[in-house]
C-alpha atoms as a PDB file:
ATOM      1  CA  UNK A   1     -21.289 -15.798  19.642  1.00  0.00           C
ATOM      2  CA  UNK A   2     -19.201 -16.699  22.645  1.00  0.00           C
ATOM      3  CA  UNK A   3     -15.543 -15.884  23.139  1.00  0.00           C
ATOM      4  CA  UNK A   4     -14.635 -19.920  23.044  1.00  0.00           C
ATOM      5  CA  UNK A   5     -16.635 -19.746  19.825  1.00  0.00           C
ATOM      6  CA  UNK A   6     -14.824 -16.694  18.851  1.00  0.00           C
ATOM      7  CA  UNK A   7     -11.354 -18.081  20.219  1.00  0.00           C
ATOM      8  CA  UNK A   8     -12.164 -21.273  17.818  1.00  0.00           C
ATOM      9  CA  UNK A   9     -12.504 -19.278  15.096  1.00  0.00           C
ATOM     10  CA  UNK A  10      -9.801 -17.468  14.582  1.00  0.00           C
ATOM     11  CA  UNK A  11      -7.724 -20.575  15.555  1.00  0.00           C
ATOM     12  CA  UNK A  12      -9.366 -22.328  12.584  1.00  0.00           C
ATOM     13  CA  UNK A  13      -8.711 -19.868  10.699  1.00  0.00           C
ATOM     14  CA  UNK A  14      -4.572 -19.858  11.589  1.00  0.00           C
ATOM     15  CA  UNK A  15      -4.457 -23.021  11.248  1.00  0.00           C
ATOM     16  CA  UNK A  16      -5.304 -23.199   7.942  1.00  0.00           C
ATOM     17  CA  UNK A  17      -2.943 -20.402   6.899  1.00  0.00           C
ATOM     18  CA  UNK A  18      -0.742 -21.871   5.081  1.00  0.00           C
ATOM     19  CA  UNK A  19       1.803 -18.547   5.506  1.00  0.00           C
ATOM     20  CA  UNK A  20       1.377 -18.909   9.292  1.00  0.00           C
ATOM     21  CA  UNK A  21       2.892 -21.126  11.742  1.00  0.00           C
ATOM     22  CA  UNK A  22       0.301 -21.080  14.218  1.00  0.00           C
ATOM     23  CA  UNK A  23       1.859 -23.529  16.094  1.00  0.00           C
ATOM     24  CA  UNK A  24       3.184 -21.187  18.897  1.00  0.00           C
ATOM     25  CA  UNK A  25       0.367 -18.794  18.611  1.00  0.00           C
ATOM     26  CA  UNK A  26      -1.985 -18.441  21.034  1.00  0.00           C
ATOM     27  CA  UNK A  27      -5.309 -17.227  21.132  1.00  0.00           C
ATOM     28  CA  UNK A  28      -8.308 -15.122  23.256  1.00  0.00           C
ATOM     29  CA  UNK A  29     -11.428 -12.932  23.258  1.00  0.00           C
ATOM     30  CA  UNK A  30     -13.407 -10.643  25.064  1.00  0.00           C
ATOM     31  CA  UNK A  31     -16.158  -9.787  23.739  1.00  0.00           C
ATOM     32  CA  UNK A  32     -15.286  -9.499  20.496  1.00  0.00           C
ATOM     33  CA  UNK A  33     -11.680  -8.167  20.451  1.00  0.00           C
ATOM     34  CA  UNK A  34      -8.700 -11.101  19.612  1.00  0.00           C
ATOM     35  CA  UNK A  35      -5.666 -10.705  21.155  1.00  0.00           C
ATOM     36  CA  UNK A  36      -2.866 -13.088  19.737  1.00  0.00           C
ATOM     37  CA  UNK A  37       0.377 -14.282  21.567  1.00  0.00           C
ATOM     38  CA  UNK A  38       3.301 -15.934  21.093  1.00  0.00           C
ATOM     39  CA  UNK A  39       6.174 -16.653  18.429  1.00  0.00           C
ATOM     40  CA  UNK A  40       6.387 -16.504  15.135  1.00  0.00           C
ATOM     41  CA  UNK A  41       9.518 -16.682  12.398  1.00  0.00           C
ATOM     42  CA  UNK A  42       8.601 -13.173  10.473  1.00  0.00           C
ATOM     43  CA  UNK A  43       7.181 -10.109  10.990  1.00  0.00           C
ATOM     44  CA  UNK A  44       5.383 -10.988   7.274  1.00  0.00           C
ATOM     45  CA  UNK A  45       3.642 -13.446   9.643  1.00  0.00           C
ATOM     46  CA  UNK A  46       3.102 -11.317  12.309  1.00  0.00           C
ATOM     47  CA  UNK A  47       1.142  -9.270   9.385  1.00  0.00           C
ATOM     48  CA  UNK A  48      -0.353 -12.128   8.275  1.00  0.00           C
ATOM     49  CA  UNK A  49      -2.164 -13.628  11.364  1.00  0.00           C
ATOM     50  CA  UNK A  50      -3.466 -10.023  12.191  1.00  0.00           C
ATOM     51  CA  UNK A  51      -5.574 -10.288   8.696  1.00  0.00           C
ATOM     52  CA  UNK A  52      -6.059 -13.431   9.626  1.00  0.00           C
ATOM     53  CA  UNK A  53      -8.203 -12.806  12.999  1.00  0.00           C
ATOM     54  CA  UNK A  54      -9.548 -10.126  11.237  1.00  0.00           C
ATOM     55  CA  UNK A  55     -11.055 -11.929   8.800  1.00  0.00           C
ATOM     56  CA  UNK A  56     -13.578 -13.673  11.257  1.00  0.00           C
ATOM     57  CA  UNK A  57     -17.232 -13.360  11.663  1.00  0.00           C
ATOM     58  CA  UNK A  58     -17.547 -11.563  15.261  1.00  0.00           C
ATOM     59  CA  UNK A  59     -13.967 -10.334  15.215  1.00  0.00           C
ATOM     60  CA  UNK A  60     -14.481  -6.144  16.120  1.00  0.00           C
ATOM     61  CA  UNK A  61     -10.814  -5.541  16.732  1.00  0.00           C
ATOM     62  CA  UNK A  62      -7.151  -7.420  16.861  1.00  0.00           C
ATOM     63  CA  UNK A  63      -5.003  -6.571  19.488  1.00  0.00           C
ATOM     64  CA  UNK A  64      -1.662  -8.190  18.192  1.00  0.00           C
ATOM     65  CA  UNK A  65       0.827  -9.340  20.665  1.00  0.00           C
ATOM     66  CA  UNK A  66       3.203 -11.910  18.996  1.00  0.00           C
ATOM     67  CA  UNK A  67       7.015 -11.732  18.960  1.00  0.00           C
ATOM     68  CA  UNK A  68       8.723 -11.885  16.182  1.00  0.00           C
ATOM     69  CA  UNK A  69      11.967 -14.057  16.964  1.00  0.00           C
ATOM     70  CA  UNK A  70      14.339 -14.683  14.385  1.00  0.00           C
ATOM     71  CA  UNK A  71      15.800 -17.725  14.078  1.00  0.00           C
ATOM     72  CA  UNK A  72      19.843 -18.327  14.038  1.00  0.00           C
ATOM     73  CA  UNK A  73      20.029 -19.441  10.146  1.00  0.00           C
ATOM     74  CA  UNK A  74      17.832 -16.113   8.867  1.00  0.00           C
ATOM     75  CA  UNK A  75      19.219 -13.078  11.315  1.00  0.00           C
ATOM     76  CA  UNK A  76      21.097 -10.673   8.999  1.00  0.00           C
ATOM     77  CA  UNK A  77      23.428  -8.398   9.723  1.00  0.00           C
ATOM     78  CA  UNK A  78      22.226  -4.436   9.740  1.00  0.00           C
ATOM     79  CA  UNK A  79      23.847  -3.468   6.915  1.00  0.00           C
ATOM     80  CA  UNK A  80      22.816  -6.324   4.380  1.00  0.00           C
ATOM     81  CA  UNK A  81      18.946  -6.325   5.758  1.00  0.00           C
ATOM     82  CA  UNK A  82      19.445  -2.002   4.534  1.00  0.00           C
ATOM     83  CA  UNK A  83      20.267  -3.351   1.566  1.00  0.00           C
ATOM     84  CA  UNK A  84      18.183  -5.856   0.677  1.00  0.00           C
ATOM     85  CA  UNK A  85      15.521  -3.844   2.168  1.00  0.00           C
ATOM     86  CA  UNK A  86      16.468  -0.448  -0.382  1.00  0.00           C
ATOM     87  CA  UNK A  87      16.908  -3.217  -3.026  1.00  0.00           C
ATOM     88  CA  UNK A  88      13.325  -4.349  -2.850  1.00  0.00           C
ATOM     89  CA  UNK A  89      12.051  -0.827  -1.993  1.00  0.00           C
ATOM     90  CA  UNK A  90      13.814   0.412  -5.677  1.00  0.00           C
ATOM     91  CA  UNK A  91      12.587  -2.552  -7.331  1.00  0.00           C
ATOM     92  CA  UNK A  92       8.819  -1.830  -7.033  1.00  0.00           C
ATOM     93  CA  UNK A  93       7.020   0.685  -9.074  1.00  0.00           C
ATOM     94  CA  UNK A  94       5.048   2.418  -6.975  1.00  0.00           C
ATOM     95  CA  UNK A  95       7.694   3.246  -4.160  1.00  0.00           C
ATOM     96  CA  UNK A  96       8.561   6.399  -4.699  1.00  0.00           C
ATOM     97  CA  UNK A  97      12.669   7.153  -4.473  1.00  0.00           C
ATOM     98  CA  UNK A  98      12.760   9.479  -2.343  1.00  0.00           C
ATOM     99  CA  UNK A  99      11.825   7.290   0.363  1.00  0.00           C
ATOM    100  CA  UNK A 100      14.655   5.673   2.441  1.00  0.00           C
ATOM    101  CA  UNK A 101      15.034   3.334   5.067  1.00  0.00           C
ATOM    102  CA  UNK A 102      17.163   2.660   8.300  1.00  0.00           C
ATOM    103  CA  UNK A 103      18.232  -0.692   9.752  1.00  0.00           C
ATOM    104  CA  UNK A 104      19.131  -1.042  14.031  1.00  0.00           C
ATOM    105  CA  UNK A 105      18.543  -4.670  14.644  1.00  0.00           C
ATOM    106  CA  UNK A 106      16.189  -5.855  12.585  1.00  0.00           C
ATOM    107  CA  UNK A 107      13.554  -2.921  13.040  1.00  0.00           C
ATOM    108  CA  UNK A 108      13.290  -0.919   9.847  1.00  0.00           C
ATOM    109  CA  UNK A 109      12.401   2.560   9.571  1.00  0.00           C
ATOM    110  CA  UNK A 110      11.217   3.970   6.492  1.00  0.00           C
ATOM    111  CA  UNK A 111      11.702   7.873   6.277  1.00  0.00           C
ATOM    112  CA  UNK A 112      11.644  10.353   3.290  1.00  0.00           C
ATOM    113  CA  UNK A 113       8.339  11.938   1.731  1.00  0.00           C
ATOM    114  CA  UNK A 114       5.840  10.340  -0.464  1.00  0.00           C
ATOM    115  CA  UNK A 115       2.636  12.080  -2.420  1.00  0.00           C
ATOM    116  CA  UNK A 116       0.318   9.532  -1.579  1.00  0.00           C
ATOM    117  CA  UNK A 117      -0.793   7.730   1.592  1.00  0.00           C
ATOM    118  CA  UNK A 118      -0.909   4.367  -1.560  1.00  0.00           C
ATOM    119  CA  UNK A 119       2.715   4.632  -1.514  1.00  0.00           C
ATOM    120  CA  UNK A 120       3.910   4.539   2.614  1.00  0.00           C
ATOM    121  CA  UNK A 121       1.336   1.726   2.680  1.00  0.00           C
ATOM    122  CA  UNK A 122       3.398  -0.219  -0.387  1.00  0.00           C
ATOM    123  CA  UNK A 123       6.467   0.839   1.348  1.00  0.00           C
ATOM    124  CA  UNK A 124       5.605  -0.781   4.222  1.00  0.00           C
ATOM    125  CA  UNK A 125       4.836  -3.246   2.764  1.00  0.00           C
ATOM    126  CA  UNK A 126       7.796  -4.179   0.697  1.00  0.00           C
ATOM    127  CA  UNK A 127       9.932  -3.961   3.954  1.00  0.00           C
ATOM    128  CA  UNK A 128       7.607  -5.866   6.009  1.00  0.00           C
ATOM    129  CA  UNK A 129       8.507  -9.101   3.534  1.00  0.00           C
ATOM    130  CA  UNK A 130      12.296  -9.059   3.330  1.00  0.00           C
ATOM    131  CA  UNK A 131      13.060 -12.073   5.694  1.00  0.00           C
ATOM    132  CA  UNK A 132      14.552 -10.764   8.890  1.00  0.00           C
ATOM    133  CA  UNK A 133      12.505  -7.607   9.381  1.00  0.00           C
ATOM    134  CA  UNK A 134      11.449  -7.790  12.636  1.00  0.00           C
ATOM    135  CA  UNK A 135       9.041  -4.460  12.461  1.00  0.00           C
ATOM    136  CA  UNK A 136       8.652  -1.770  10.328  1.00  0.00           C
ATOM    137  CA  UNK A 137       8.233   2.182  11.234  1.00  0.00           C
ATOM    138  CA  UNK A 138       6.847   4.320   9.002  1.00  0.00           C
ATOM    139  CA  UNK A 139       7.956   7.967   9.231  1.00  0.00           C
ATOM    140  CA  UNK A 140       7.391   8.522   5.735  1.00  0.00           C
ATOM    141  CA  UNK A 141       6.110  12.573   5.278  1.00  0.00           C
ATOM    142  CA  UNK A 142       3.043  12.978   3.031  1.00  0.00           C
ATOM    143  CA  UNK A 143       3.566  15.934   0.506  1.00  0.00           C
ATOM    144  CA  UNK A 144       0.504  16.808  -1.647  1.00  0.00           C
ATOM    145  CA  UNK A 145       1.247  16.946  -5.229  1.00  0.00           C
ATOM    146  CA  UNK A 146       2.194  20.872  -6.513  1.00  0.00           C
ATOM    147  CA  UNK A 147      -0.489  21.169  -9.473  1.00  0.00           C
ATOM    148  CA  UNK A 148       1.400  22.858 -12.357  1.00  0.00           C
ATOM    149  CA  UNK A 149       0.774  26.190 -12.268  1.00  0.00           C
ATOM    150  CA  UNK A 150      -0.958  27.754 -16.151  1.00  0.00           C
ATOM    151  CA  UNK A 151       0.743  29.407 -18.287  1.00  0.00           C
ATOM    152  CA  UNK A 152       0.047  32.568 -20.351  1.00  0.00           C
ATOM    153  CA  UNK A 153       0.124  30.672 -23.656  1.00  0.00           C
ATOM    154  CA  UNK A 154      -2.214  27.882 -21.393  1.00  0.00           C
ATOM    155  CA  UNK A 155      -4.321  30.358 -20.915  1.00  0.00           C
ATOM    156  CA  UNK A 156      -4.608  31.796 -24.384  1.00  0.00           C
ATOM    157  CA  UNK A 157      -5.041  28.361 -26.335  1.00  0.00           C
ATOM    158  CA  UNK A 158      -7.710  27.582 -23.833  1.00  0.00           C
ATOM    159  CA  UNK A 159      -9.498  30.461 -24.897  1.00  0.00           C
ATOM    160  CA  UNK A 160      -8.909  30.342 -28.837  1.00  0.00           C
ATOM    161  CA  UNK A 161     -10.166  27.036 -28.458  1.00  0.00           C
ATOM    162  CA  UNK A 162     -13.312  27.790 -26.616  1.00  0.00           C
ATOM    163  CA  UNK A 163     -13.683  30.722 -28.938  1.00  0.00           C
ATOM    164  CA  UNK A 164     -13.808  27.601 -32.169  1.00  0.00           C
ATOM    165  CA  UNK A 165     -15.965  25.706 -30.076  1.00  0.00           C
ATOM    166  CA  UNK A 166     -18.699  28.298 -29.654  1.00  0.00           C
ATOM    167  CA  UNK A 167     -18.992  29.586 -33.472  1.00  0.00           C
ATOM    168  CA  UNK A 168     -21.284  27.983 -36.256  1.00  0.00           C
ATOM    169  CA  UNK A 169     -19.854  25.735 -38.564  1.00  0.00           C
ATOM    170  CA  UNK A 170     -20.334  25.621 -41.679  1.00  0.00           C
ATOM    171  CA  UNK A 171     -22.477  22.455 -43.231  1.00  0.00           C
ATOM    172  CA  UNK A 172     -20.553  19.466 -44.766  1.00  0.00           C
ATOM    173  CA  UNK A 173     -20.584  20.339 -48.222  1.00  0.00           C
ATOM    174  CA  UNK A 174     -19.552  23.800 -47.574  1.00  0.00           C
ATOM    175  CA  UNK A 175     -16.875  22.261 -45.899  1.00  0.00           C
ATOM    176  CA  UNK A 176     -16.068  20.076 -48.343  1.00  0.00           C
ATOM    177  CA  UNK A 177     -16.406  21.839 -51.962  1.00  0.00           C
ATOM    178  CA  UNK A 178     -16.627  25.529 -51.269  1.00  0.00           C
ATOM    179  CA  UNK A 179     -20.375  26.045 -52.247  1.00  0.00           C
ATOM    180  CA  UNK A 180     -23.443  25.668 -51.141  1.00  0.00           C
ATOM    181  CA  UNK A 181     -25.452  22.515 -52.031  1.00  0.00           C
ATOM    182  CA  UNK A 182     -27.872  25.026 -53.455  1.00  0.00           C
ATOM    183  CA  UNK A 183     -25.257  26.149 -56.168  1.00  0.00           C
ATOM    184  CA  UNK A 184     -24.582  23.206 -57.423  1.00  0.00           C
ATOM    185  CA  UNK A 185     -26.353  22.342 -60.989  1.00  0.00           C
END
């Protein structure tokens, strides 16, 4: 596929995505590497534009140079924005409560700890979707979950269970009546 064809395909993909305002996005391509330049109205649009470009056949990688420009009516105070980001994180059951957010000029920095990568990804996704966020920096530390150690009573129960399952079982009639079938009249 030629660079012009690739540019046209990515431009078309952006055009047909209702979540992205493609009017101010310029697309260039060089041997499968697509570069997006221009401005968008939210961080979510920036992320969606990247995903749109990655979806096109022939795209090897995407360099996203889009700038997020928050319109005056959507511009928010950092304290208000931080409160909304924290509330959004709290309302998402996948995001652990150990994650915190700092905001400076619309740029959100996520800190804290998570046990799994999907929790980090979800926190970043949630924060990015809050109106007024310009960028998200993920500084969340991954801390693997600790596995509970078996206590001596747990080990005893396992041994007892293993011994019970390895002993021969009585026939069903002996277990019910206490006598074997041959003793029945």
